[in-house]
C-alpha atoms as a PDB file:
ATOM      1  CA  MET A   1       0.598-123.532  42.190  1.00  0.00           C
ATOM      2  CA  LYS A   2       1.599-124.821  39.093  1.00  0.00           C
ATOM      3  CA  ARG A   3       3.794-122.477  36.812  1.00  0.00           C
ATOM      4  CA  LYS A   4       1.048-121.217  34.410  1.00  0.00           C
ATOM      5  CA  GLU A   5      -1.713-120.412  37.162  1.00  0.00           C
ATOM      6  CA  ARG A   6       1.198-118.088  38.338  1.00  0.00           C
ATOM      7  CA  GLU A   7       2.018-116.827  35.326  1.00  0.00           C
ATOM      8  CA  HIS A   8      -1.438-115.908  34.459  1.00  0.00           C
ATOM      9  CA  LEU A   9      -1.941-114.043  37.823  1.00  0.00           C
ATOM     10  CA  ARG A  10       1.426-111.916  37.200  1.00  0.00           C
ATOM     11  CA  VAL A  11       0.364-111.026  33.425  1.00  0.00           C
ATOM     12  CA  ASP A  12      -3.883-110.640  33.893  1.00  0.00           C
ATOM     13  CA  PRO A  13      -3.671-107.503  35.911  1.00  0.00           C
ATOM     14  CA  PHE A  14      -1.508-106.150  32.835  1.00  0.00           C
ATOM     15  CA  GLN A  15      -4.358-107.332  30.290  1.00  0.00           C
ATOM     16  CA  ARG A  16      -7.225-105.933  32.444  1.00  0.00           C
ATOM     17  CA  PHE A  17      -5.572-102.827  32.385  1.00  0.00           C
ATOM     18  CA  ILE A  18      -4.796-102.580  28.340  1.00  0.00           C
ATOM     19  CA  GLN A  19      -8.579-104.342  28.137  1.00  0.00           C
ATOM     20  CA  LYS A  20      -9.683-101.493  30.293  1.00  0.00           C
ATOM     21  CA  THR A  21      -7.781 -98.720  28.776  1.00  0.00           C
ATOM     22  CA  MET A  22      -9.570 -99.885  25.047  1.00  0.00           C
ATOM     23  CA  ASP A  23     -13.126-100.513  26.600  1.00  0.00           C
ATOM     24  CA  ASP A  24     -13.011 -96.388  27.462  1.00  0.00           C
ATOM     25  CA  PHE A  25     -11.285 -95.058  24.624  1.00  0.00           C
ATOM     26  CA  GLN A  26     -13.685 -96.909  22.467  1.00  0.00           C
ATOM     27  CA  LYS A  27     -16.322 -95.486  24.608  1.00  0.00           C
ATOM     28  CA  TYR A  28     -15.093 -91.730  24.898  1.00  0.00           C
ATOM     29  CA  ARG A  29     -13.210 -92.231  21.305  1.00  0.00           C
ATOM     30  CA  ARG A  30     -15.716 -89.394  20.280  1.00  0.00           C
ATOM     31  CA  GLU A  31     -14.596 -86.406  23.044  1.00  0.00           C
ATOM     32  CA  ILE A  32     -11.031 -87.861  23.150  1.00  0.00           C
ATOM     33  CA  LEU A  33     -10.601 -87.634  19.576  1.00  0.00           C
ATOM     34  CA  ILE A  34     -11.953 -84.105  19.718  1.00  0.00           C
ATOM     35  CA  SER A  35     -10.093 -82.823  22.639  1.00  0.00           C
ATOM     36  CA  ALA A  36      -6.933 -83.980  20.792  1.00  0.00           C
ATOM     37  CA  ALA A  37      -7.781 -81.762  17.686  1.00  0.00           C
ATOM     38  CA  ALA A  38      -8.580 -79.037  19.679  1.00  0.00           C
ATOM     39  CA  VAL A  39      -5.148 -79.233  21.479  1.00  0.00           C
ATOM     40  CA  GLY A  40      -3.555 -79.556  18.131  1.00  0.00           C
ATOM     41  CA  ALA A  41      -5.250 -76.776  16.699  1.00  0.00           C
ATOM     42  CA  VAL A  42      -3.948 -74.649  19.583  1.00  0.00           C
ATOM     43  CA  ILE A  43      -0.474 -75.708  19.047  1.00  0.00           C
ATOM     44  CA  LEU A  44      -0.577 -74.801  15.747  1.00  0.00           C
ATOM     45  CA  ILE A  45      -2.069 -71.706  16.299  1.00  0.00           C
ATOM     46  CA  ILE A  46       0.887 -70.658  18.607  1.00  0.00           C
ATOM     47  CA  ILE A  47       3.158 -72.024  16.239  1.00  0.00           C
ATOM     48  CA  VAL A  48       2.076 -69.492  13.318  1.00  0.00           C
ATOM     49  CA  ILE A  49       1.979 -66.463  15.793  1.00  0.00           C
ATOM     50  CA  GLY A  50       5.377 -67.303  16.829  1.00  0.00           C
ATOM     51  CA  LEU A  51       6.675 -67.635  13.394  1.00  0.00           C
ATOM     52  CA  PHE A  52       4.387 -64.502  12.209  1.00  0.00           C
ATOM     53  CA  ASN A  53       5.646 -62.359  15.331  1.00  0.00           C
ATOM     54  CA  TYR A  54       9.365 -63.609  14.339  1.00  0.00           C
ATOM     55  CA  PHE A  55       9.468 -62.879  10.554  1.00  0.00           C
ATOM     56  CA  SER A  56       7.962 -59.841  11.448  1.00  0.00           C
ATOM     57  CA  LYS A  57      10.321 -58.510  13.729  1.00  0.00           C
ATOM     58  CA  THR A  58      13.039 -59.512  11.635  1.00  0.00           C
ATOM     59  CA  SER A  59      11.634 -58.133   8.501  1.00  0.00           C
ATOM     60  CA  GLU A  60      10.734 -54.921  10.950  1.00  0.00           C
ATOM     61  CA  ASN A  61      14.296 -54.726  12.081  1.00  0.00           C
ATOM     62  CA  LYS A  62      15.771 -54.812   8.334  1.00  0.00           C
ATOM     63  CA  SER A  63      13.460 -52.152   7.391  1.00  0.00           C
ATOM     64  CA  TYR A  64      14.859 -49.471  10.401  1.00  0.00           C
ATOM     65  CA  SER A  65      18.254 -50.676   9.195  1.00  0.00           C
ATOM     66  CA  GLU A  66      18.103 -50.156   5.873  1.00  0.00           C
ATOM     67  CA  ALA A  67      16.138 -46.381   6.818  1.00  0.00           C
ATOM     68  CA  TYR A  68      18.964 -45.930   9.388  1.00  0.00           C
ATOM     69  CA  ASN A  69      22.015 -46.524   6.898  1.00  0.00           C
ATOM     70  CA  ILE A  70      20.002 -43.897   4.609  1.00  0.00           C
ATOM     71  CA  VAL A  71      19.724 -40.856   7.179  1.00  0.00           C
ATOM     72  CA  SER A  72      23.088 -41.480   8.061  1.00  0.00           C
ATOM     73  CA  ASN A  73      25.064 -41.494   4.977  1.00  0.00           C
ATOM     74  CA  ASN A  74      27.181 -38.308   4.417  1.00  0.00           C
ATOM     75  CA  ALA A  75      27.844 -39.306   0.738  1.00  0.00           C
ATOM     76  CA  LEU A  76      23.968 -38.641   0.389  1.00  0.00           C
ATOM     77  CA  SER A  77      22.483 -35.266  -0.072  1.00  0.00           C
ATOM     78  CA  ILE A  78      19.174 -34.774   2.200  1.00  0.00           C
ATOM     79  CA  ASP A  79      17.477 -34.645  -1.342  1.00  0.00           C
ATOM     80  CA  SER A  80      18.546 -37.932  -1.910  1.00  0.00           C
ATOM     81  CA  LYS A  81      17.657 -39.299   1.190  1.00  0.00           C
ATOM     82  CA  ILE A  82      14.355 -38.292   1.033  1.00  0.00           C
ATOM     83  CA  ASP A  83      13.880 -39.637  -2.170  1.00  0.00           C
ATOM     84  CA  LYS A  84      14.443 -43.396  -0.717  1.00  0.00           C
ATOM     85  CA  LEU A  85      12.806 -43.023   2.157  1.00  0.00           C
ATOM     86  CA  SER A  86       9.431 -42.161   0.653  1.00  0.00           C
ATOM     87  CA  LYS A  87      10.077 -45.451  -1.419  1.00  0.00           C
ATOM     88  CA  MET A  88      10.137 -47.693   1.952  1.00  0.00           C
ATOM     89  CA  ASP A  89       7.685 -49.509   3.615  1.00  0.00           C
ATOM     90  CA  SER A  90       6.561 -48.032   6.530  1.00  0.00           C
ATOM     91  CA  GLY A  91       5.283 -51.118   9.279  1.00  0.00           C
ATOM     92  CA  LYS A  92       3.787 -50.233  12.959  1.00  0.00           C
ATOM     93  CA  GLY A  93       6.745 -51.451  14.008  1.00  0.00           C
ATOM     94  CA  ILE A  94       9.905 -49.557  14.340  1.00  0.00           C
ATOM     95  CA  SER A  95      10.556 -49.696  10.474  1.00  0.00           C
ATOM     96  CA  ALA A  96       7.226 -46.414  11.667  1.00  0.00           C
ATOM     97  CA  ALA A  97      10.788 -44.692  11.767  1.00  0.00           C
ATOM     98  CA  ALA A  98      11.221 -44.124   7.995  1.00  0.00           C
ATOM     99  CA  LYS A  99       8.554 -41.462   7.434  1.00  0.00           C
ATOM    100  CA  LEU A 100      10.098 -39.586  10.753  1.00  0.00           C
ATOM    101  CA  PHE A 101      13.090 -39.228   9.335  1.00  0.00           C
ATOM    102  CA  GLN A 102      11.969 -38.766   5.989  1.00  0.00           C
ATOM    103  CA  ALA A 103       9.622 -35.618   7.737  1.00  0.00           C
ATOM    104  CA  SER A 104      12.736 -34.779   9.965  1.00  0.00           C
ATOM    105  CA  LEU A 105      14.908 -34.678   7.045  1.00  0.00           C
ATOM    106  CA  TYR A 106      12.283 -32.007   5.204  1.00  0.00           C
ATOM    107  CA  TYR A 107      12.320 -29.782   8.937  1.00  0.00           C
ATOM    108  CA  GLU A 108      16.005 -29.696   8.189  1.00  0.00           C
ATOM    109  CA  LYS A 109      15.603 -28.694   4.532  1.00  0.00           C
ATOM    110  CA  GLY A 110      13.223 -25.885   6.073  1.00  0.00           C
ATOM    111  CA  ASP A 111      10.265 -27.296   3.990  1.00  0.00           C
ATOM    112  CA  LEU A 112       7.881 -27.352   6.755  1.00  0.00           C
ATOM    113  CA  THR A 113       4.705 -28.000   4.911  1.00  0.00           C
ATOM    114  CA  LYS A 114       6.486 -31.148   3.465  1.00  0.00           C
ATOM    115  CA  ALA A 115       7.484 -32.377   6.842  1.00  0.00           C
ATOM    116  CA  LYS A 116       3.744 -31.844   7.977  1.00  0.00           C
ATOM    117  CA  GLU A 117       2.428 -34.088   5.523  1.00  0.00           C
ATOM    118  CA  THR A 118       4.996 -36.584   5.382  1.00  0.00           C
ATOM    119  CA  LEU A 119       4.457 -36.551   9.857  1.00  0.00           C
ATOM    120  CA  ALA A 120       0.542 -37.245   9.091  1.00  0.00           C
ATOM    121  CA  GLN A 121       1.183 -40.248   6.791  1.00  0.00           C
ATOM    122  CA  PHE A 122       3.112 -41.353  10.223  1.00  0.00           C
ATOM    123  CA  PRO A 123       1.250 -44.923  11.610  1.00  0.00           C
ATOM    124  CA  ASN A 124       1.155 -45.204  15.082  1.00  0.00           C
ATOM    125  CA  SER A 125       3.751 -46.732  16.035  1.00  0.00           C
ATOM    126  CA  SER A 126       3.910 -50.365  18.806  1.00  0.00           C
ATOM    127  CA  VAL A 127       7.377 -49.272  19.426  1.00  0.00           C
ATOM    128  CA  GLU A 128       6.629 -46.293  22.190  1.00  0.00           C
ATOM    129  CA  LEU A 129      10.428 -44.471  21.333  1.00  0.00           C
ATOM    130  CA  ILE A 130       9.508 -43.940  18.002  1.00  0.00           C
ATOM    131  CA  ASN A 131       5.839 -42.233  18.961  1.00  0.00           C
ATOM    132  CA  ASN A 132       8.207 -40.156  21.487  1.00  0.00           C
ATOM    133  CA  GLN A 133      10.159 -38.579  18.521  1.00  0.00           C
ATOM    134  CA  LYS A 134       6.917 -38.306  16.620  1.00  0.00           C
ATOM    135  CA  SER A 135       5.757 -36.011  19.023  1.00  0.00           C
ATOM    136  CA  LEU A 136       9.183 -34.057  19.556  1.00  0.00           C
ATOM    137  CA  LEU A 137       9.148 -33.411  16.143  1.00  0.00           C
ATOM    138  CA  GLU A 138       5.311 -32.337  16.014  1.00  0.00           C
ATOM    139  CA  ALA A 139       6.593 -29.611  18.499  1.00  0.00           C
ATOM    140  CA  ASP A 140       9.297 -28.599  16.761  1.00  0.00           C
ATOM    141  CA  LEU A 141       6.900 -27.906  13.395  1.00  0.00           C
ATOM    142  CA  LEU A 142       4.317 -26.158  15.615  1.00  0.00           C
ATOM    143  CA  ILE A 143       7.231 -24.015  17.276  1.00  0.00           C
ATOM    144  CA  ALA A 144       8.860 -23.387  13.826  1.00  0.00           C
ATOM    145  CA  SER A 145       5.343 -21.900  12.779  1.00  0.00           C
ATOM    146  CA  GLY A 146       4.656 -19.924  15.165  1.00  0.00           C
ATOM    147  CA  LYS A 147       2.052 -21.962  16.945  1.00  0.00           C
ATOM    148  CA  ASP A 148       3.886 -21.670  20.320  1.00  0.00           C
ATOM    149  CA  LYS A 149       0.655 -22.780  22.454  1.00  0.00           C
ATOM    150  CA  GLU A 150      -0.065 -25.812  20.429  1.00  0.00           C
ATOM    151  CA  ALA A 151       3.886 -27.076  20.947  1.00  0.00           C
ATOM    152  CA  LEU A 152       3.307 -26.639  24.623  1.00  0.00           C
ATOM    153  CA  ASP A 153       0.427 -28.825  24.682  1.00  0.00           C
ATOM    154  CA  VAL A 154       2.365 -31.336  22.985  1.00  0.00           C
ATOM    155  CA  LEU A 155       5.644 -30.587  25.124  1.00  0.00           C
ATOM    156  CA  ASN A 156       3.359 -30.583  28.498  1.00  0.00           C
ATOM    157  CA  GLN A 157       1.775 -34.729  27.082  1.00  0.00           C
ATOM    158  CA  LEU A 158       5.584 -35.569  26.733  1.00  0.00           C
ATOM    159  CA  GLN A 159       6.452 -34.605  30.049  1.00  0.00           C
ATOM    160  CA  ALA A 160       3.478 -36.030  31.839  1.00  0.00           C
ATOM    161  CA  ASN A 161       3.636 -39.738  30.227  1.00  0.00           C
ATOM    162  CA  THR A 162       5.349 -41.774  32.810  1.00  0.00           C
ATOM    163  CA  GLN A 163       6.464 -44.008  30.105  1.00  0.00           C
ATOM    164  CA  LEU A 164       8.505 -41.969  27.792  1.00  0.00           C
ATOM    165  CA  GLU A 165      11.404 -43.603  26.499  1.00  0.00           C
ATOM    166  CA  ILE A 166      13.261 -40.223  25.665  1.00  0.00           C
ATOM    167  CA  PRO A 167      15.740 -38.302  28.017  1.00  0.00           C
ATOM    168  CA  ARG A 168      13.189 -36.235  30.331  1.00  0.00           C
ATOM    169  CA  ASP A 169      15.821 -33.569  30.526  1.00  0.00           C
ATOM    170  CA  TYR A 170      15.447 -33.196  26.539  1.00  0.00           C
ATOM    171  CA  VAL A 171      11.899 -31.978  27.115  1.00  0.00           C
ATOM    172  CA  LEU A 172      12.169 -30.400  30.347  1.00  0.00           C
ATOM    173  CA  ILE A 173      14.870 -27.959  28.870  1.00  0.00           C
ATOM    174  CA  LYS A 174      12.964 -27.335  25.438  1.00  0.00           C
ATOM    175  CA  LEU A 175       9.600 -26.796  27.228  1.00  0.00           C
ATOM    176  CA  ALA A 176      11.232 -23.968  29.476  1.00  0.00           C
ATOM    177  CA  LYS A 177      12.353 -22.499  26.310  1.00  0.00           C
ATOM    178  CA  VAL A 178       8.969 -22.699  25.144  1.00  0.00           C
ATOM    179  CA  GLN A 179       7.604 -21.360  28.057  1.00  0.00           C
ATOM    180  CA  ALA A 180       9.847 -18.173  28.769  1.00  0.00           C
ATOM    181  CA  LYS A 181       9.344 -17.454  25.235  1.00  0.00           C
ATOM    182  CA  THR A 182       5.620 -17.185  26.121  1.00  0.00           C
ATOM    183  CA  ASN A 183       6.138 -15.395  29.001  1.00  0.00           C
ATOM    184  CA  GLN A 184       5.065 -17.766  31.210  1.00  0.00           C
ATOM    185  CA  THR A 185       8.565 -16.959  33.993  1.00  0.00           C
ATOM    186  CA  PRO A 186       7.245 -19.082  37.160  1.00  0.00           C
ATOM    187  CA  LEU A 187       6.382 -22.051  34.982  1.00  0.00           C
ATOM    188  CA  ALA A 188       9.660 -21.835  32.615  1.00  0.00           C
ATOM    189  CA  VAL A 189      11.357 -21.517  36.077  1.00  0.00           C
ATOM    190  CA  ALA A 190       9.779 -24.987  37.642  1.00  0.00           C
ATOM    191  CA  SER A 191      10.849 -27.129  34.564  1.00  0.00           C
ATOM    192  CA  LEU A 192      14.347 -26.018  34.605  1.00  0.00           C
ATOM    193  CA  ASN A 193      14.527 -26.678  38.733  1.00  0.00           C
ATOM    194  CA  LYS A 194      13.088 -30.033  38.000  1.00  0.00           C
ATOM    195  CA  LEU A 195      15.467 -30.581  35.013  1.00  0.00           C
ATOM    196  CA  MET A 196      18.916 -29.618  37.274  1.00  0.00           C
ATOM    197  CA  ASN A 197      17.115 -31.425  40.623  1.00  0.00           C
ATOM    198  CA  ASP A 198      16.298 -34.616  38.530  1.00  0.00           C
ATOM    199  CA  PHE A 199      18.762 -34.948  36.483  1.00  0.00           C
ATOM    200  CA  PRO A 200      22.156 -32.976  37.938  1.00  0.00           C
ATOM    201  CA  GLN A 201      24.692 -34.697  35.541  1.00  0.00           C
ATOM    202  CA  SER A 202      22.410 -33.144  32.371  1.00  0.00           C
ATOM    203  CA  TYR A 203      23.943 -32.809  29.202  1.00  0.00           C
ATOM    204  CA  TYR A 204      21.713 -29.430  29.722  1.00  0.00           C
ATOM    205  CA  GLY A 205      22.594 -28.627  32.413  1.00  0.00           C
ATOM    206  CA  MET A 206      24.734 -25.309  31.983  1.00  0.00           C
ATOM    207  CA  GLU A 207      22.018 -24.322  29.844  1.00  0.00           C
ATOM    208  CA  ALA A 208      19.244 -24.481  32.266  1.00  0.00           C
ATOM    209  CA  ARG A 209      21.625 -22.761  34.796  1.00  0.00           C
ATOM    210  CA  GLU A 210      22.013 -19.488  31.893  1.00  0.00           C
ATOM    211  CA  LEU A 211      18.315 -19.792  31.067  1.00  0.00           C
ATOM    212  CA  LEU A 212      17.322 -19.829  34.906  1.00  0.00           C
ATOM    213  CA  ASP A 213      19.870 -17.213  35.550  1.00  0.00           C
ATOM    214  CA  SER A 214      18.772 -14.859  32.789  1.00  0.00           C
ATOM    215  CA  LEU A 215      15.159 -15.413  33.461  1.00  0.00           C
ATOM    216  CA  THR A 216      15.495 -14.920  37.474  1.00  0.00           C
ATOM    217  CA  GLN A 217      17.386 -11.758  37.169  1.00  0.00           C
ATOM    218  CA  LYS A 218      14.508  -9.776  35.154  1.00  0.00           C
END
């Protein structure tokens, strides 16, 4: 076999493959381009969403950090802290804590009306911990306003929450106190026993024992 014939036989399959590929591309050019554009659009959307989430989280964390620094600054008076927090924007992530801090400071100051008004402006957060803390503050405001029944509803909802992000033993001791206050002794005893059984090392264990003794000795 001549050299040129051997080279032709070796190269020809590759040429046929290239030619077939080009023919297929021309035949399905429109479909291929549409598919490529669709894939490119999906990739672009994923990148945009990723960047948006990254910068949103960065902004949320920065806002929360600023709010926390204000609240924990002992050099500032309560009124100064409230004023600074009131000028901050609250998002729907962890930055929503700014409004929660502000409402808590009003509560600490004894201004229940302002605390309730601020809490009413509180956006539902995507962070469950923030929402749980909001519910606790709502319960405190209701108790301070003499609305123990409404406070019990809020605390019972928290206790029933299987995704609770705040210490459950704290919710239980608070719940037991309101139950005892409203003469629901059996419920209060049950809450205290649950606290001591489920959380034997709880910080509130001694307080729970003392309250239980006072209730059972009546």
